[in-house]
Protein backbone atom coordinates (compact mmCIF):
# COMPACT_ATOMS: atom_id res chain seq x y z
CA MET A 1 15.03 12.45 -4.38
CA LYS A 2 14.85 11.05 -0.87
CA ILE A 3 11.75 9.01 -0.17
CA ASP A 4 10.64 6.44 2.40
CA ILE A 5 8.12 4.04 0.86
CA ILE A 6 5.85 2.19 3.29
CA GLY A 7 4.23 -1.17 2.66
CA ASP A 8 0.58 -2.12 3.00
CA ILE A 9 -0.69 -0.43 6.18
CA HIS A 10 -4.20 -1.96 6.19
CA GLY A 11 -5.48 0.26 9.00
CA CYS A 12 -2.51 -0.42 11.33
CA PHE A 13 -2.10 3.21 12.32
CA SER A 14 -0.07 2.70 15.51
CA GLU A 15 2.55 0.68 13.59
CA PHE A 16 2.63 3.37 10.89
CA LYS A 17 3.28 5.98 13.56
CA ASN A 18 6.02 3.88 15.14
CA LEU A 19 7.68 3.20 11.79
CA SER A 20 7.65 6.84 10.71
CA ARG A 21 9.31 7.81 13.99
CA GLU A 22 11.96 5.14 13.43
CA LEU A 23 12.54 6.77 10.04
CA GLY A 24 13.15 10.14 11.71
CA TYR A 25 9.77 11.78 11.15
CA SER A 26 8.25 14.06 13.79
CA TRP A 27 4.52 14.15 14.54
CA GLN A 28 4.66 17.56 16.17
CA ASN A 29 2.06 18.98 13.77
CA GLY A 30 -0.20 15.90 13.73
CA VAL A 31 1.35 14.24 10.68
CA PRO A 32 4.85 12.81 10.09
CA ILE A 33 7.28 15.44 8.75
CA HIS A 34 11.02 14.90 8.25
CA LYS A 35 13.39 17.70 9.21
CA GLU A 36 15.71 16.87 6.30
CA GLY A 37 12.92 17.12 3.73
CA ARG A 38 12.47 13.40 3.05
CA VAL A 39 8.97 12.48 1.87
CA LEU A 40 6.79 9.43 2.33
CA GLY A 41 5.43 7.08 -0.30
CA PHE A 42 2.68 4.48 0.03
CA VAL A 43 2.23 1.28 -1.98
CA GLY A 44 -1.55 1.21 -1.47
CA ASP A 45 -3.94 -0.86 0.65
CA LEU A 46 -4.17 1.81 3.31
CA THR A 47 -7.36 0.36 4.75
CA ASP A 48 -9.26 -2.83 5.66
CA ARG A 49 -8.74 -5.51 8.31
CA GLY A 50 -6.82 -3.27 10.73
CA PRO A 51 -8.35 -1.17 13.53
CA GLN A 52 -7.85 2.43 12.32
CA SER A 53 -8.42 2.63 8.58
CA LEU A 54 -10.04 6.07 8.69
CA THR A 55 -7.16 7.62 10.65
CA VAL A 56 -4.77 6.22 8.06
CA ILE A 57 -6.87 7.74 5.24
CA LYS A 58 -6.88 11.15 6.90
CA THR A 59 -3.13 11.10 7.57
CA VAL A 60 -2.13 9.94 4.10
CA TRP A 61 -4.52 12.39 2.43
CA THR A 62 -3.01 15.26 4.49
CA LEU A 63 0.53 14.20 3.59
CA TRP A 64 -0.39 13.84 -0.09
CA LYS A 65 -2.36 17.10 -0.25
CA HIS A 66 0.01 19.33 1.71
CA HIS A 67 3.40 17.68 2.19
CA GLY A 68 4.42 16.11 -1.13
CA ALA A 69 3.77 12.47 -0.28
CA TYR A 70 3.29 9.87 -3.02
CA TYR A 71 0.48 7.33 -3.10
CA VAL A 72 -0.59 4.56 -5.45
CA PRO A 73 -3.81 2.57 -5.08
CA GLY A 74 -3.98 -1.08 -4.11
CA ASN A 75 -6.77 -3.54 -4.78
CA HIS A 76 -8.37 -2.74 -1.41
CA CYS A 77 -8.19 0.97 -2.26
CA ASN A 78 -9.91 0.28 -5.58
CA LYS A 79 -12.66 -1.66 -3.83
CA LEU A 80 -13.19 1.09 -1.22
CA TYR A 81 -13.34 3.65 -4.03
CA ARG A 82 -16.06 1.64 -5.77
CA TYR A 83 -17.88 1.26 -2.42
CA PHE A 84 -17.84 5.04 -1.97
CA LEU A 85 -19.23 5.48 -5.49
CA GLY A 86 -22.15 3.23 -4.55
CA ARG A 87 -21.13 0.34 -6.78
CA ASN A 88 -22.24 -3.18 -5.95
CA VAL A 89 -19.20 -4.53 -4.08
CA GLN A 90 -19.03 -7.33 -1.54
CA VAL A 91 -18.33 -5.94 1.91
CA THR A 92 -15.97 -8.80 2.73
CA HIS A 93 -12.22 -9.65 2.80
CA GLY A 94 -11.49 -6.70 5.10
CA LEU A 95 -13.78 -4.01 3.70
CA GLU A 96 -16.28 -4.85 6.45
CA THR A 97 -13.94 -3.33 9.09
CA THR A 98 -13.63 -0.05 7.19
CA ALA A 99 -17.38 0.00 6.53
CA ALA A 100 -18.04 -0.55 10.25
CA GLU A 101 -15.84 2.42 11.13
CA LEU A 102 -17.71 4.57 8.62
CA LYS A 103 -21.12 3.46 9.91
CA SER A 104 -20.18 4.52 13.45
CA LEU A 105 -19.90 8.14 12.26
CA SER A 106 -22.46 10.80 11.54
CA SER A 107 -23.35 11.17 7.86
CA LYS A 108 -21.43 14.47 7.80
CA GLU A 109 -18.27 12.81 9.15
CA GLU A 110 -18.70 9.84 6.82
CA ASN A 111 -18.94 12.17 3.82
CA HIS A 112 -15.79 13.95 5.00
CA TYR A 113 -13.75 10.71 4.79
CA LYS A 114 -15.45 9.78 1.54
CA ARG A 115 -14.46 13.09 -0.08
CA MET A 116 -10.88 12.82 1.17
CA PHE A 117 -10.40 9.28 -0.10
CA ILE A 118 -12.00 9.92 -3.49
CA GLU A 119 -9.79 12.98 -3.97
CA LEU A 120 -6.68 10.98 -3.03
CA TYR A 121 -7.63 8.06 -5.28
CA GLU A 122 -8.66 10.10 -8.31
CA GLY A 123 -5.70 12.46 -7.96
CA SER A 124 -3.06 9.72 -7.94
CA PRO A 125 -1.68 7.62 -10.81
CA LEU A 126 -2.07 3.85 -11.10
CA TYR A 127 1.68 3.62 -10.45
CA GLN A 128 4.32 6.25 -9.70
CA THR A 129 7.37 6.74 -11.91
CA LEU A 130 9.93 8.76 -9.93
CA ASP A 131 13.55 9.95 -10.01
CA ASP A 132 13.66 10.37 -13.79
CA GLY A 133 12.29 6.89 -14.36
CA LYS A 134 14.75 5.10 -12.07
CA LEU A 135 12.11 4.22 -9.44
CA ILE A 136 8.58 2.85 -9.75
CA ILE A 137 6.02 2.31 -6.99
CA ALA A 138 3.31 -0.15 -8.05
CA HIS A 139 1.01 -1.91 -5.60
CA ALA A 140 1.43 -5.51 -6.81
CA GLY A 141 4.34 -4.82 -9.19
CA ILE A 142 4.54 -4.21 -12.90
CA LYS A 143 5.95 -6.06 -15.91
CA GLU A 144 8.73 -4.43 -17.91
CA ASP A 145 6.63 -4.08 -21.06
CA TYR A 146 3.77 -2.47 -19.09
CA ILE A 147 5.89 0.46 -17.88
CA GLY A 148 4.62 3.68 -19.41
CA LYS A 149 1.25 2.18 -20.27
CA VAL A 150 -2.16 2.38 -18.60
CA ASN A 151 -4.86 0.03 -19.86
CA LYS A 152 -7.11 -2.68 -18.46
CA SER A 153 -4.39 -5.36 -18.48
CA VAL A 154 -1.88 -3.05 -16.80
CA LYS A 155 -4.44 -2.04 -14.17
CA THR A 156 -5.28 -5.67 -13.36
CA PHE A 157 -1.59 -6.55 -13.02
CA VAL A 158 -0.72 -3.50 -10.90
CA LEU A 159 -3.66 -4.01 -8.53
CA TYR A 160 -3.73 -7.82 -8.29
CA GLY A 161 -0.36 -9.14 -9.49
CA ASP A 162 0.27 -11.81 -12.09
CA ILE A 163 -2.90 -13.80 -11.37
CA THR A 164 -3.61 -17.12 -13.07
CA GLY A 165 -7.37 -17.18 -12.59
CA GLU A 166 -7.07 -20.09 -10.15
CA PHE A 167 -7.66 -19.95 -6.40
CA PHE A 168 -6.30 -21.60 -3.28
CA PRO A 169 -8.83 -23.45 -1.05
CA ASP A 170 -9.05 -20.42 1.28
CA GLY A 171 -10.06 -18.19 -1.63
CA ARG A 172 -6.72 -16.45 -2.25
CA PRO A 173 -5.83 -16.11 -5.94
CA VAL A 174 -2.89 -18.07 -7.31
CA ARG A 175 -0.19 -15.66 -8.54
CA ARG A 176 2.91 -16.16 -10.66
CA ASP A 177 6.24 -14.94 -9.29
CA TRP A 178 6.57 -12.08 -11.80
CA ALA A 179 9.65 -10.58 -10.10
CA LYS A 180 11.86 -13.48 -11.24
CA LYS A 181 11.13 -12.55 -14.86
CA TYR A 182 11.61 -8.79 -14.48
CA HIS A 183 14.71 -7.45 -16.22
CA GLY A 184 13.80 -3.78 -16.61
CA LYS A 185 16.00 -0.83 -15.62
CA PRO A 186 13.66 0.93 -13.14
CA PHE A 187 13.76 -0.34 -9.57
CA ILE A 188 10.28 -1.58 -8.61
CA VAL A 189 8.93 -1.20 -5.06
CA TYR A 190 5.71 -3.09 -4.43
CA GLY A 191 3.65 -4.95 -1.83
CA HIS A 192 0.32 -6.82 -2.03
CA THR A 193 1.63 -10.34 -1.30
CA PRO A 194 2.61 -10.67 2.39
CA VAL A 195 6.12 -12.04 2.98
CA ASN A 196 7.86 -12.62 6.31
CA GLU A 197 10.86 -10.47 5.32
CA PRO A 198 11.32 -7.80 2.64
CA ARG A 199 12.00 -9.78 -0.54
CA THR A 200 14.53 -8.50 -3.06
CA VAL A 201 14.62 -10.20 -6.46
CA GLY A 202 16.80 -8.46 -9.06
CA ARG A 203 15.69 -4.84 -9.29
CA THR A 204 12.47 -5.40 -7.31
CA ILE A 205 11.55 -5.43 -3.64
CA ASN A 206 8.33 -6.56 -1.96
CA ILE A 207 7.83 -4.57 1.25
CA ASP A 208 4.46 -6.00 2.34
CA THR A 209 5.62 -7.82 5.46
CA GLY A 210 2.07 -8.59 6.59
CA CYS A 211 1.58 -6.07 9.38
CA VAL A 212 -2.16 -6.72 9.59
CA PHE A 213 -1.45 -10.46 9.89
CA GLY A 214 0.95 -10.05 12.79
CA GLY A 215 4.16 -9.61 10.81
CA LYS A 216 5.88 -6.25 10.48
CA LEU A 217 5.36 -2.90 8.80
CA THR A 218 8.28 -2.13 6.51
CA ALA A 219 9.67 0.95 4.79
CA PHE A 220 12.12 1.07 1.88
CA ARG A 221 14.49 4.03 1.99
CA TYR A 222 15.52 5.43 -1.38
CA PRO A 223 18.14 6.12 -2.70
CA GLU A 224 19.83 4.26 0.18
CA LYS A 225 17.99 1.03 -0.69
CA GLU A 226 17.69 0.07 2.97
CA THR A 227 14.67 -1.34 4.77
CA ILE A 228 13.42 -0.55 8.26
CA SER A 229 10.64 -2.53 9.95
CA VAL A 230 8.64 -2.34 13.17
CA PRO A 231 6.73 -5.26 14.72
CA SER A 232 2.97 -5.61 14.44
CA SER A 233 0.63 -5.58 17.42
CA MET A 234 -1.80 -7.88 15.59
CA PRO A 235 -2.05 -11.69 16.07
CA TYR A 236 0.34 -13.64 13.84
CA ILE A 237 -1.42 -15.70 11.14
CA PRO A 238 1.29 -17.74 9.38
CA GLU A 239 -0.93 -19.10 6.62
CA LYS A 240 -1.42 -15.58 5.25
CA PHE A 241 2.23 -15.27 4.25
CA ALA A 242 3.60 -16.34 0.88
CA TYR A 243 6.65 -18.58 0.63
CA PHE A 244 8.94 -18.53 -2.40
CA SER A 245 11.68 -20.97 -3.33
């Protein structure tokens, strides 16, 4: 299979459009289509913090519904899903921007986006296993012994990473560097933790290059195993990026 997997978009629609064009996709019909039949994949966190979360939802839903795109949910996707279901979630840490976009619409329009997102979320797996098990897309990664399983522990890991239960002073959770301990055969493509450059460790790559924090939006091309990035238009916030030794 030939797939271009895009890191955490977080409502940065213009960067998504620029990146897809760099990858050779045409927007002639309103969504990015590749003339050679390549498809797009998304590591989750489509929304929140950026300026055009709803446009990203609509585009990804259309690609998923009609053009064979692959999507997995991120923690922000999970929170938006619970928000749409009417659960008691805190409208903070980025969700407030998506909620503000929704509140600017008529109730009919708001319900339209709600239906699209719920269908996308409920119709997609927690993580994607592709190319006969050689490739996995998981939002925050996945441990070798979790592959093939779906339970509460797996869901927590896939959505949030290898969290310790501790927090940094700014409220960010402390996470273990799970990729250094991964020795599985499938190649894992993930995001969630912003890094300044795509980070390859063994058979894993983190492609969340912090677009919404002023970094870049990155795609991983498979089977070529190449990355392509475009710069962000957002202000650069260095403290939001993780540093690994």
